[in-house]
Amino acid sequence: MFLKEFFYYIGLPMPQHVLYSWFFIILLLLLAWTATRRMTLVPRGVQNFFEFLIKAVEDFVVANMGEPGRKVFPVLFTLLIYIWVLNVSGLIPSIDAPTANINTTASMAIFVFLYYNYWGFKLHGLKYIKHFMGPYWWLAPIMFPIEIVSHLARPLSLTLRLFGNIRGEEIVIALMFLLAPLLGSLPIFILFLLMKTMQAFVFFMLSMMYLKGAFEEAH
């Protein structure tokens, strides 16, 4: 609320979810700068943690997508970390997670939709349209509209899945702290932390699968 009131005071009213989104973007950039400003051959501290995390996620992406996955790994990793931070921010008292606002989740879902289709056309040219035609040419009149609807439903699915889960958790957390003592709420608090982590991972996984499909040759 402090950020919202501050920007309103200086004549720049902004929605709360936008303010917190930019706040955590800046926070992540500062963290990245801290991890890389004094890089050493023998990593330690923040550098060591991020090198381990990046290596683990990169290996996971390559294991599922093959070597071409390295081309899109930076975007996928950024999505994973960004969404996780926004999700978890809702556990901080007085802060609503930006991902509990449908505008935030819709913007990321639309980005993923445009990004994987961009790679599809970049790698295959107009032949990428064959992905929408089905396995046999005579099925094309039936499969094409079905595939178009299916692909258009993907950003909608990404948007509503993340928004619905995080918004629901935010409501339960608010009620939990109103009705239950703090110590009695800690196990549930940890459970919600795991659930928010899972939601970030699901968004990351689905995005990776869509990219994998765009990378593959149409059959």
C-alpha atoms as a PDB file:
ATOM      1  CA  MET A   1       0.000   0.000   0.000  1.00  0.00           C
ATOM      2  CA  PHE A   2       2.920   2.372   0.689  1.00  0.00           C
ATOM      3  CA  LEU A   3       4.095   2.208  -2.939  1.00  0.00           C
ATOM      4  CA  LYS A   4       0.608   2.893  -4.256  1.00  0.00           C
ATOM      5  CA  GLU A   5       0.168   5.904  -1.968  1.00  0.00           C
ATOM      6  CA  PHE A   6       3.640   7.225  -2.841  1.00  0.00           C
ATOM      7  CA  PHE A   7       3.040   7.168  -6.593  1.00  0.00           C
ATOM      8  CA  TYR A   8      -0.427   8.645  -6.117  1.00  0.00           C
ATOM      9  CA  TYR A   9       1.118  11.449  -4.055  1.00  0.00           C
ATOM     10  CA  ILE A  10       3.648  12.370  -6.777  1.00  0.00           C
ATOM     11  CA  GLY A  11       0.909  12.367  -9.427  1.00  0.00           C
ATOM     12  CA  LEU A  12       1.551   8.968 -10.993  1.00  0.00           C
ATOM     13  CA  PRO A  13      -1.331   6.740  -9.883  1.00  0.00           C
ATOM     14  CA  MET A  14      -0.694   3.135 -10.872  1.00  0.00           C
ATOM     15  CA  PRO A  15      -2.539  -0.141 -10.220  1.00  0.00           C
ATOM     16  CA  GLN A  16      -1.197  -2.002  -7.228  1.00  0.00           C
ATOM     17  CA  HIS A  17      -0.320  -5.163  -9.195  1.00  0.00           C
ATOM     18  CA  VAL A  18       1.744  -3.084 -11.651  1.00  0.00           C
ATOM     19  CA  LEU A  19       3.613  -1.347  -8.842  1.00  0.00           C
ATOM     20  CA  TYR A  20       4.505  -4.596  -7.116  1.00  0.00           C
ATOM     21  CA  SER A  21       5.450  -6.228 -10.416  1.00  0.00           C
ATOM     22  CA  TRP A  22       7.955  -3.453 -11.148  1.00  0.00           C
ATOM     23  CA  PHE A  23       9.187  -3.491  -7.560  1.00  0.00           C
ATOM     24  CA  PHE A  24      10.055  -7.197  -7.767  1.00  0.00           C
ATOM     25  CA  ILE A  25      11.561  -6.775 -11.243  1.00  0.00           C
ATOM     26  CA  ILE A  26      13.944  -4.173  -9.822  1.00  0.00           C
ATOM     27  CA  LEU A  27      14.629  -6.416  -6.832  1.00  0.00           C
ATOM     28  CA  LEU A  28      15.521  -9.341  -9.119  1.00  0.00           C
ATOM     29  CA  LEU A  29      17.772  -7.120 -11.236  1.00  0.00           C
ATOM     30  CA  LEU A  30      19.616  -5.973  -8.114  1.00  0.00           C
ATOM     31  CA  LEU A  31      19.977  -9.580  -6.984  1.00  0.00           C
ATOM     32  CA  ALA A  32      21.340 -10.559 -10.402  1.00  0.00           C
ATOM     33  CA  TRP A  33      23.797  -7.665 -10.253  1.00  0.00           C
ATOM     34  CA  THR A  34      24.915  -8.732  -6.780  1.00  0.00           C
ATOM     35  CA  ALA A  35      25.471 -12.303  -7.993  1.00  0.00           C
ATOM     36  CA  THR A  36      27.524 -11.263 -11.038  1.00  0.00           C
ATOM     37  CA  ARG A  37      29.422  -8.129 -10.054  1.00  0.00           C
ATOM     38  CA  ARG A  38      32.352 -10.066  -8.568  1.00  0.00           C
ATOM     39  CA  MET A  39      32.307 -13.400 -10.334  1.00  0.00           C
ATOM     40  CA  THR A  40      35.116 -15.818  -9.508  1.00  0.00           C
ATOM     41  CA  LEU A  41      36.299 -19.137 -10.940  1.00  0.00           C
ATOM     42  CA  VAL A  42      35.430 -20.754  -7.627  1.00  0.00           C
ATOM     43  CA  PRO A  43      31.872 -19.544  -7.007  1.00  0.00           C
ATOM     44  CA  ARG A  44      30.608 -18.843  -3.535  1.00  0.00           C
ATOM     45  CA  GLY A  45      27.697 -17.182  -1.819  1.00  0.00           C
ATOM     46  CA  VAL A  46      24.979 -15.786  -4.098  1.00  0.00           C
ATOM     47  CA  GLN A  47      26.982 -16.615  -7.229  1.00  0.00           C
ATOM     48  CA  ASN A  48      27.296 -20.251  -6.176  1.00  0.00           C
ATOM     49  CA  PHE A  49      23.565 -20.535  -5.458  1.00  0.00           C
ATOM     50  CA  PHE A  50      22.520 -19.046  -8.801  1.00  0.00           C
ATOM     51  CA  GLU A  51      25.027 -21.079 -10.794  1.00  0.00           C
ATOM     52  CA  PHE A  52      23.655 -24.248  -9.209  1.00  0.00           C
ATOM     53  CA  LEU A  53      20.047 -23.185  -9.833  1.00  0.00           C
ATOM     54  CA  ILE A  54      20.662 -22.116 -13.441  1.00  0.00           C
ATOM     55  CA  LYS A  55      22.595 -25.295 -14.227  1.00  0.00           C
ATOM     56  CA  ALA A  56      19.872 -27.502 -12.738  1.00  0.00           C
ATOM     57  CA  VAL A  57      17.064 -25.804 -14.670  1.00  0.00           C
ATOM     58  CA  GLU A  58      19.099 -25.725 -17.898  1.00  0.00           C
ATOM     59  CA  ASP A  59      19.813 -29.448 -17.651  1.00  0.00           C
ATOM     60  CA  PHE A  60      16.094 -30.059 -17.091  1.00  0.00           C
ATOM     61  CA  VAL A  61      15.135 -28.024 -20.164  1.00  0.00           C
ATOM     62  CA  VAL A  62      17.753 -29.743 -22.360  1.00  0.00           C
ATOM     63  CA  ALA A  63      16.670 -33.174 -21.096  1.00  0.00           C
ATOM     64  CA  ASN A  64      13.104 -32.437 -22.224  1.00  0.00           C
ATOM     65  CA  MET A  65      13.709 -30.370 -25.373  1.00  0.00           C
ATOM     66  CA  GLY A  66      17.126 -31.516 -26.515  1.00  0.00           C
ATOM     67  CA  GLU A  67      20.014 -29.186 -27.351  1.00  0.00           C
ATOM     68  CA  PRO A  68      17.736 -26.635 -29.103  1.00  0.00           C
ATOM     69  CA  GLY A  69      16.267 -25.972 -25.666  1.00  0.00           C
ATOM     70  CA  ARG A  70      19.358 -23.916 -24.813  1.00  0.00           C
ATOM     71  CA  LYS A  71      18.116 -21.230 -27.226  1.00  0.00           C
ATOM     72  CA  VAL A  72      14.990 -20.566 -25.175  1.00  0.00           C
ATOM     73  CA  PHE A  73      16.320 -21.487 -21.733  1.00  0.00           C
ATOM     74  CA  PRO A  74      17.028 -17.854 -20.659  1.00  0.00           C
ATOM     75  CA  VAL A  75      13.389 -16.886 -21.288  1.00  0.00           C
ATOM     76  CA  LEU A  76      12.027 -19.993 -19.578  1.00  0.00           C
ATOM     77  CA  PHE A  77      14.268 -19.514 -16.554  1.00  0.00           C
ATOM     78  CA  THR A  78      13.296 -15.838 -16.296  1.00  0.00           C
ATOM     79  CA  LEU A  79       9.611 -16.784 -16.401  1.00  0.00           C
ATOM     80  CA  LEU A  80      10.096 -19.405 -13.695  1.00  0.00           C
ATOM     81  CA  ILE A  81      11.951 -17.107 -11.282  1.00  0.00           C
ATOM     82  CA  TYR A  82       9.733 -14.098 -11.972  1.00  0.00           C
ATOM     83  CA  ILE A  83       6.464 -15.971 -11.480  1.00  0.00           C
ATOM     84  CA  TRP A  84       7.770 -17.713  -8.361  1.00  0.00           C
ATOM     85  CA  VAL A  85       8.775 -14.398  -6.765  1.00  0.00           C
ATOM     86  CA  LEU A  86       5.426 -12.806  -7.612  1.00  0.00           C
ATOM     87  CA  ASN A  87       3.554 -15.830  -6.255  1.00  0.00           C
ATOM     88  CA  VAL A  88       5.505 -15.979  -3.012  1.00  0.00           C
ATOM     89  CA  SER A  89       5.216 -12.215  -2.453  1.00  0.00           C
ATOM     90  CA  GLY A  90       1.591 -12.840  -1.524  1.00  0.00           C
ATOM     91  CA  LEU A  91       2.781 -14.537   1.655  1.00  0.00           C
ATOM     92  CA  ILE A  92       4.143 -11.199   2.898  1.00  0.00           C
ATOM     93  CA  PRO A  93       1.564  -9.437   5.086  1.00  0.00           C
ATOM     94  CA  SER A  94      -0.218  -6.497   3.388  1.00  0.00           C
ATOM     95  CA  ILE A  95       1.040  -7.497  -0.091  1.00  0.00           C
ATOM     96  CA  ASP A  96      -1.237  -8.973  -2.734  1.00  0.00           C
ATOM     97  CA  ALA A  97       0.627 -11.203  -5.162  1.00  0.00           C
ATOM     98  CA  PRO A  98       0.640  -9.553  -8.632  1.00  0.00           C
ATOM     99  CA  THR A  99      -0.200 -12.964 -10.089  1.00  0.00           C
ATOM    100  CA  ALA A 100      -3.472 -12.836  -8.154  1.00  0.00           C
ATOM    101  CA  ASN A 101      -4.507 -10.201 -10.701  1.00  0.00           C
ATOM    102  CA  ILE A 102      -5.722 -11.581 -14.029  1.00  0.00           C
ATOM    103  CA  ASN A 103      -4.025  -8.776 -15.982  1.00  0.00           C
ATOM    104  CA  THR A 104      -0.598  -9.972 -14.827  1.00  0.00           C
ATOM    105  CA  THR A 105      -1.187 -13.612 -15.697  1.00  0.00           C
ATOM    106  CA  ALA A 106      -2.837 -12.714 -19.032  1.00  0.00           C
ATOM    107  CA  SER A 107       0.146 -10.604 -20.106  1.00  0.00           C
ATOM    108  CA  MET A 108       2.569 -13.462 -19.417  1.00  0.00           C
ATOM    109  CA  ALA A 109       0.306 -16.013 -21.114  1.00  0.00           C
ATOM    110  CA  ILE A 110       0.007 -13.852 -24.242  1.00  0.00           C
ATOM    111  CA  PHE A 111       3.783 -13.432 -24.281  1.00  0.00           C
ATOM    112  CA  VAL A 112       4.268 -17.222 -24.165  1.00  0.00           C
ATOM    113  CA  PHE A 113       1.721 -17.669 -26.985  1.00  0.00           C
ATOM    114  CA  LEU A 114       3.484 -15.133 -29.215  1.00  0.00           C
ATOM    115  CA  TYR A 115       6.944 -16.427 -28.268  1.00  0.00           C
ATOM    116  CA  TYR A 116       6.460 -20.082 -29.158  1.00  0.00           C
ATOM    117  CA  ASN A 117       4.675 -19.215 -32.401  1.00  0.00           C
ATOM    118  CA  TYR A 118       7.513 -16.823 -33.251  1.00  0.00           C
ATOM    119  CA  TRP A 119       9.986 -19.693 -32.884  1.00  0.00           C
ATOM    120  CA  GLY A 120       7.738 -21.954 -34.928  1.00  0.00           C
ATOM    121  CA  PHE A 121       7.721 -19.578 -37.902  1.00  0.00           C
ATOM    122  CA  LYS A 122      11.391 -18.689 -37.420  1.00  0.00           C
ATOM    123  CA  LEU A 123      12.507 -22.333 -37.588  1.00  0.00           C
ATOM    124  CA  HIS A 124      10.057 -23.694 -40.157  1.00  0.00           C
ATOM    125  CA  GLY A 125       8.833 -20.687 -42.110  1.00  0.00           C
ATOM    126  CA  LEU A 126       5.382 -21.096 -43.612  1.00  0.00           C
ATOM    127  CA  LYS A 127       5.757 -24.860 -43.189  1.00  0.00           C
ATOM    128  CA  TYR A 128       4.966 -24.237 -39.523  1.00  0.00           C
ATOM    129  CA  ILE A 129       1.308 -24.109 -40.581  1.00  0.00           C
ATOM    130  CA  LYS A 130       1.546 -27.881 -41.085  1.00  0.00           C
ATOM    131  CA  HIS A 131       1.486 -28.159 -37.301  1.00  0.00           C
ATOM    132  CA  PHE A 132      -2.171 -27.153 -37.523  1.00  0.00           C
ATOM    133  CA  MET A 133      -3.088 -29.496 -40.376  1.00  0.00           C
ATOM    134  CA  GLY A 134      -3.013 -32.915 -38.732  1.00  0.00           C
ATOM    135  CA  PRO A 135      -1.047 -36.013 -39.807  1.00  0.00           C
ATOM    136  CA  TYR A 136      -2.908 -36.506 -43.149  1.00  0.00           C
ATOM    137  CA  TRP A 137      -3.727 -33.916 -45.804  1.00  0.00           C
ATOM    138  CA  TRP A 138      -7.324 -35.060 -46.082  1.00  0.00           C
ATOM    139  CA  LEU A 139      -7.856 -34.304 -42.393  1.00  0.00           C
ATOM    140  CA  ALA A 140      -6.695 -30.703 -42.810  1.00  0.00           C
ATOM    141  CA  PRO A 141     -10.184 -29.139 -43.252  1.00  0.00           C
ATOM    142  CA  ILE A 142     -11.243 -30.712 -39.951  1.00  0.00           C
ATOM    143  CA  MET A 143      -8.000 -30.430 -37.985  1.00  0.00           C
ATOM    144  CA  PHE A 144      -7.109 -26.834 -38.910  1.00  0.00           C
ATOM    145  CA  PRO A 145     -10.027 -25.110 -37.092  1.00  0.00           C
ATOM    146  CA  ILE A 146      -9.679 -27.533 -34.178  1.00  0.00           C
ATOM    147  CA  GLU A 147      -5.943 -26.792 -33.843  1.00  0.00           C
ATOM    148  CA  ILE A 148      -6.504 -23.046 -34.116  1.00  0.00           C
ATOM    149  CA  VAL A 149      -9.056 -23.129 -31.304  1.00  0.00           C
ATOM    150  CA  SER A 150      -6.753 -25.397 -29.296  1.00  0.00           C
ATOM    151  CA  HIS A 151      -3.802 -23.005 -29.631  1.00  0.00           C
ATOM    152  CA  LEU A 152      -5.936 -19.956 -28.856  1.00  0.00           C
ATOM    153  CA  ALA A 153      -7.147 -21.728 -25.711  1.00  0.00           C
ATOM    154  CA  ARG A 154      -3.589 -22.114 -24.446  1.00  0.00           C
ATOM    155  CA  PRO A 155      -3.091 -18.509 -23.258  1.00  0.00           C
ATOM    156  CA  LEU A 156      -6.568 -18.586 -21.747  1.00  0.00           C
ATOM    157  CA  SER A 157      -5.711 -21.779 -19.885  1.00  0.00           C
ATOM    158  CA  LEU A 158      -2.365 -20.384 -18.667  1.00  0.00           C
ATOM    159  CA  THR A 159      -4.054 -17.172 -17.549  1.00  0.00           C
ATOM    160  CA  LEU A 160      -6.928 -18.709 -15.625  1.00  0.00           C
ATOM    161  CA  ARG A 161      -4.951 -21.571 -14.071  1.00  0.00           C
ATOM    162  CA  LEU A 162      -2.327 -19.310 -12.497  1.00  0.00           C
ATOM    163  CA  PHE A 163      -4.738 -16.509 -11.603  1.00  0.00           C
ATOM    164  CA  GLY A 164      -7.366 -18.830 -10.135  1.00  0.00           C
ATOM    165  CA  ASN A 165      -4.959 -20.780  -7.965  1.00  0.00           C
ATOM    166  CA  ILE A 166      -3.053 -17.774  -6.635  1.00  0.00           C
ATOM    167  CA  ARG A 167      -6.198 -15.697  -6.034  1.00  0.00           C
ATOM    168  CA  GLY A 168      -7.787 -18.602  -4.184  1.00  0.00           C
ATOM    169  CA  GLU A 169      -4.709 -19.061  -2.042  1.00  0.00           C
ATOM    170  CA  GLU A 170      -4.564 -15.318  -1.277  1.00  0.00           C
ATOM    171  CA  ILE A 171      -8.164 -15.385  -0.004  1.00  0.00           C
ATOM    172  CA  VAL A 172      -7.516 -18.450   2.161  1.00  0.00           C
ATOM    173  CA  ILE A 173      -4.308 -16.928   3.564  1.00  0.00           C
ATOM    174  CA  ALA A 174      -6.151 -13.725   4.506  1.00  0.00           C
ATOM    175  CA  LEU A 175      -8.853 -15.699   6.271  1.00  0.00           C
ATOM    176  CA  MET A 176      -6.264 -17.924   7.910  1.00  0.00           C
ATOM    177  CA  PHE A 177      -4.439 -15.018   9.545  1.00  0.00           C
ATOM    178  CA  LEU A 178      -7.716 -13.487  10.681  1.00  0.00           C
ATOM    179  CA  LEU A 179      -9.145 -16.648  12.216  1.00  0.00           C
ATOM    180  CA  ALA A 180      -6.129 -18.682  13.351  1.00  0.00           C
ATOM    181  CA  PRO A 181      -3.214 -17.878  15.649  1.00  0.00           C
ATOM    182  CA  LEU A 182       0.142 -17.350  13.941  1.00  0.00           C
ATOM    183  CA  LEU A 183       1.795 -20.475  15.307  1.00  0.00           C
ATOM    184  CA  GLY A 184      -1.166 -22.626  14.351  1.00  0.00           C
ATOM    185  CA  SER A 185      -1.006 -21.179  10.833  1.00  0.00           C
ATOM    186  CA  LEU A 186       2.672 -21.928  10.161  1.00  0.00           C
ATOM    187  CA  PRO A 187       2.124 -25.457   8.729  1.00  0.00           C
ATOM    188  CA  ILE A 188      -0.531 -24.097   6.372  1.00  0.00           C
ATOM    189  CA  PHE A 189       1.787 -21.200   5.525  1.00  0.00           C
ATOM    190  CA  ILE A 190       4.487 -23.679   4.460  1.00  0.00           C
ATOM    191  CA  LEU A 191       1.917 -25.660   2.485  1.00  0.00           C
ATOM    192  CA  PHE A 192       0.931 -22.544   0.545  1.00  0.00           C
ATOM    193  CA  LEU A 193       4.618 -21.823  -0.143  1.00  0.00           C
ATOM    194  CA  LEU A 194       4.901 -25.254  -1.764  1.00  0.00           C
ATOM    195  CA  MET A 195       1.687 -24.712  -3.732  1.00  0.00           C
ATOM    196  CA  LYS A 196       2.850 -21.335  -5.035  1.00  0.00           C
ATOM    197  CA  THR A 197       6.135 -22.928  -6.087  1.00  0.00           C
ATOM    198  CA  MET A 198       4.208 -25.669  -7.863  1.00  0.00           C
ATOM    199  CA  GLN A 199       2.083 -23.129  -9.753  1.00  0.00           C
ATOM    200  CA  ALA A 200       5.204 -21.365 -11.023  1.00  0.00           C
ATOM    201  CA  PHE A 201       6.637 -24.711 -12.116  1.00  0.00           C
ATOM    202  CA  VAL A 202       3.406 -25.692 -13.922  1.00  0.00           C
ATOM    203  CA  PHE A 203       3.449 -22.423 -15.920  1.00  0.00           C
ATOM    204  CA  PHE A 204       7.124 -23.042 -16.726  1.00  0.00           C
ATOM    205  CA  MET A 205       6.471 -26.657 -17.775  1.00  0.00           C
ATOM    206  CA  LEU A 206       3.541 -25.808 -20.040  1.00  0.00           C
ATOM    207  CA  SER A 207       5.531 -23.018 -21.675  1.00  0.00           C
ATOM    208  CA  MET A 208       8.386 -25.444 -22.297  1.00  0.00           C
ATOM    209  CA  MET A 209       6.033 -28.023 -23.818  1.00  0.00           C
ATOM    210  CA  TYR A 210       4.539 -25.431 -26.168  1.00  0.00           C
ATOM    211  CA  LEU A 211       8.031 -24.410 -27.266  1.00  0.00           C
ATOM    212  CA  LYS A 212       9.026 -28.032 -27.728  1.00  0.00           C
ATOM    213  CA  GLY A 213       6.052 -28.544 -30.027  1.00  0.00           C
ATOM    214  CA  ALA A 214       6.976 -25.458 -32.046  1.00  0.00           C
ATOM    215  CA  PHE A 215      10.569 -26.694 -32.415  1.00  0.00           C
ATOM    216  CA  GLU A 216       9.547 -30.093 -33.745  1.00  0.00           C
ATOM    217  CA  GLU A 217       8.949 -30.857 -37.405  1.00  0.00           C
ATOM    218  CA  ALA A 218       5.319 -31.285 -38.426  1.00  0.00           C
ATOM    219  CA  HIS A 219       4.316 -34.854 -39.298  1.00  0.00           C
END
